[in-house]
C-alpha cells in the first residue's frame, strides 16, 4: 500500500522541523499569531491551531494557539515554509535573500510581527524577543 500525498508531505515537514530551532520558531510564530488574532479578529470563531510542531513537541491542546480560520491557514503555511527552508542555519525570514513566502503571506507575516513583536517583550517570550533584536542588529 503506497503512502498518500498528505502523508508524504507530513513526513517532509517532520524531517524539516527536527532541525535545531525550527519547532520553537513555529511555536513562537503561533503565539504571535494568536495575539494578533485575538486583537484583530475578535468576532471570528476560533479553535486551537493544528500544527505538526505541536504533535512533535507534544504540546497539550490547552496550550496551543487559538486562532481563526484565516490565521490557522497562515500558521500552517508558515510551518511548511520553516520546515522546507534550505538555509543552514535558518536566517530570519525578513533577512533572507530567498523570498519563499507568497507575497500575500509575506504581508500577513509582517502584520503579525509588527503587532506582536513589541508585545513579546512583556511576555514569556521576552528572552527570545531580545535575542531576536540583538541577532538582527548584528547583520
Protein backbone atom coordinates (compact mmCIF):
# COMPACT_ATOMS: atom_id res chain seq x y z
CA UNK A 1 0.00 0.00 0.00
CA UNK A 2 1.54 3.31 -1.05
CA UNK A 3 1.60 6.45 1.07
CA UNK A 4 -0.78 9.22 0.18
CA UNK A 5 0.41 12.71 -0.75
CA UNK A 6 -0.59 14.27 2.63
CA UNK A 7 1.37 11.53 4.45
CA UNK A 8 4.48 12.17 2.37
CA UNK A 9 4.20 15.92 2.88
CA UNK A 10 3.75 15.47 6.64
CA UNK A 11 6.89 13.30 6.72
CA UNK A 12 8.83 16.04 4.91
CA UNK A 13 7.54 18.62 7.39
CA UNK A 14 8.56 16.40 10.32
CA UNK A 15 12.02 15.93 8.83
CA UNK A 16 12.44 19.70 8.37
CA UNK A 17 11.10 20.61 11.81
CA UNK A 18 13.51 18.22 13.51
CA UNK A 19 16.40 20.56 12.68
CA UNK A 20 17.59 22.68 15.64
CA UNK A 21 15.37 25.64 16.48
CA UNK A 22 12.68 25.02 13.89
CA UNK A 23 9.93 23.81 16.25
CA UNK A 24 10.49 26.72 18.62
CA UNK A 25 10.36 29.15 15.65
CA UNK A 26 6.99 27.74 14.59
CA UNK A 27 5.59 27.79 18.11
CA UNK A 28 6.76 31.37 18.62
CA UNK A 29 5.02 32.41 15.38
CA UNK A 30 1.92 30.57 16.59
CA UNK A 31 1.89 32.57 19.82
CA UNK A 32 2.46 35.83 17.92
CA UNK A 33 -0.36 34.97 15.54
CA UNK A 34 -2.69 34.14 18.42
CA UNK A 35 -2.04 37.57 20.00
CA UNK A 36 -2.65 39.25 16.64
CA UNK A 37 -5.81 37.22 16.01
CA UNK A 38 -7.22 37.91 19.46
CA UNK A 39 -6.83 41.67 18.91
CA UNK A 40 -7.70 41.98 15.22
CA UNK A 41 -10.24 39.19 14.64
CA UNK A 42 -12.31 39.48 17.81
CA UNK A 43 -15.63 38.47 16.27
CA UNK A 44 -14.41 35.42 14.35
CA UNK A 45 -14.83 31.87 15.71
CA UNK A 46 -11.57 30.39 16.94
CA UNK A 47 -10.09 26.95 17.57
CA UNK A 48 -6.71 25.53 18.65
CA UNK A 49 -4.27 25.51 15.72
CA UNK A 50 -3.44 22.14 14.16
CA UNK A 51 0.33 22.13 13.62
CA UNK A 52 2.78 19.28 13.11
CA UNK A 53 5.19 21.01 15.51
CA UNK A 54 2.62 20.70 18.31
CA UNK A 55 2.47 16.95 17.70
CA UNK A 56 6.26 16.66 17.73
CA UNK A 57 6.66 18.66 20.94
CA UNK A 58 3.57 17.01 22.46
CA UNK A 59 2.01 20.39 23.24
CA UNK A 60 -1.30 19.85 25.09
CA UNK A 61 -4.38 21.24 23.35
CA UNK A 62 -4.99 23.83 26.08
CA UNK A 63 -1.53 25.36 25.41
CA UNK A 64 -1.94 25.60 21.64
CA UNK A 65 -2.52 28.90 19.85
CA UNK A 66 -6.23 29.62 19.49
CA UNK A 67 -6.87 31.34 16.16
CA UNK A 68 -9.48 31.97 13.49
CA UNK A 69 -9.55 30.05 10.21
CA UNK A 70 -7.55 32.70 8.31
CA UNK A 71 -4.80 32.79 10.93
CA UNK A 72 -4.74 28.97 11.10
CA UNK A 73 -4.18 28.86 7.34
CA UNK A 74 -1.29 31.34 7.73
CA UNK A 75 0.26 29.27 10.56
CA UNK A 76 0.13 26.05 8.55
CA UNK A 77 1.71 27.85 5.60
CA UNK A 78 4.39 29.36 7.86
CA UNK A 79 5.14 25.97 9.38
CA UNK A 80 5.67 24.44 5.93
CA UNK A 81 7.94 27.30 4.85
CA UNK A 82 10.01 26.89 8.02
CA UNK A 83 10.22 23.11 7.61
CA UNK A 84 11.24 23.34 3.95
CA UNK A 85 13.81 26.13 4.47
CA UNK A 86 17.06 25.20 2.72
CA UNK A 87 19.21 27.75 4.57
CA UNK A 88 21.56 26.39 7.24
CA UNK A 89 21.44 27.97 9.71
CA UNK A 90 17.96 29.31 9.03
CA UNK A 91 18.01 33.13 8.99
CA UNK A 92 15.12 35.40 9.98
CA UNK A 93 12.74 35.41 7.05
CA UNK A 94 12.91 39.22 6.85
CA UNK A 95 16.68 39.00 6.32
CA UNK A 96 16.70 36.07 3.90
CA UNK A 97 17.76 36.58 0.29
CA UNK A 98 15.42 33.78 -0.83
CA UNK A 99 11.85 35.02 -0.57
CA UNK A 100 9.91 31.75 -0.34
CA UNK A 101 6.70 33.24 1.08
CA UNK A 102 3.96 34.20 -1.37
CA UNK A 103 3.52 37.98 -1.29
CA UNK A 104 0.12 37.73 0.44
CA UNK A 105 1.55 35.55 3.20
CA UNK A 106 4.67 37.69 3.50
CA UNK A 107 2.46 40.73 4.12
CA UNK A 108 0.41 38.76 6.66
CA UNK A 109 3.62 37.80 8.46
CA UNK A 110 4.68 41.47 8.58
CA UNK A 111 1.34 42.45 10.12
CA UNK A 112 1.62 39.73 12.76
CA UNK A 113 5.23 40.60 13.60
CA UNK A 114 4.58 44.36 13.75
CA UNK A 115 1.70 43.82 16.14
CA UNK A 116 3.12 41.05 18.32
CA UNK A 117 6.87 41.72 18.24
CA UNK A 118 6.85 44.71 20.62
CA UNK A 119 4.31 42.99 22.90
CA UNK A 120 6.56 39.94 23.21
CA UNK A 121 8.97 41.98 25.34
CA UNK A 122 6.37 41.80 28.13
CA UNK A 123 5.57 38.10 27.81
CA UNK A 124 7.06 34.70 28.41
CA UNK A 125 8.92 35.27 25.13
CA UNK A 126 10.88 38.30 26.40
CA UNK A 127 14.21 36.46 26.23
CA UNK A 128 13.56 35.27 22.66
CA UNK A 129 12.45 38.76 21.63
CA UNK A 130 15.64 40.34 22.98
CA UNK A 131 17.75 37.63 21.37
CA UNK A 132 15.95 38.29 18.06
CA UNK A 133 16.64 42.04 18.28
CA UNK A 134 20.32 41.50 19.07
CA UNK A 135 20.75 38.92 16.32
CA UNK A 136 19.03 41.15 13.76
CA UNK A 137 21.25 44.11 14.63
CA UNK A 138 24.49 42.15 14.22
CA UNK A 139 23.85 41.65 10.48
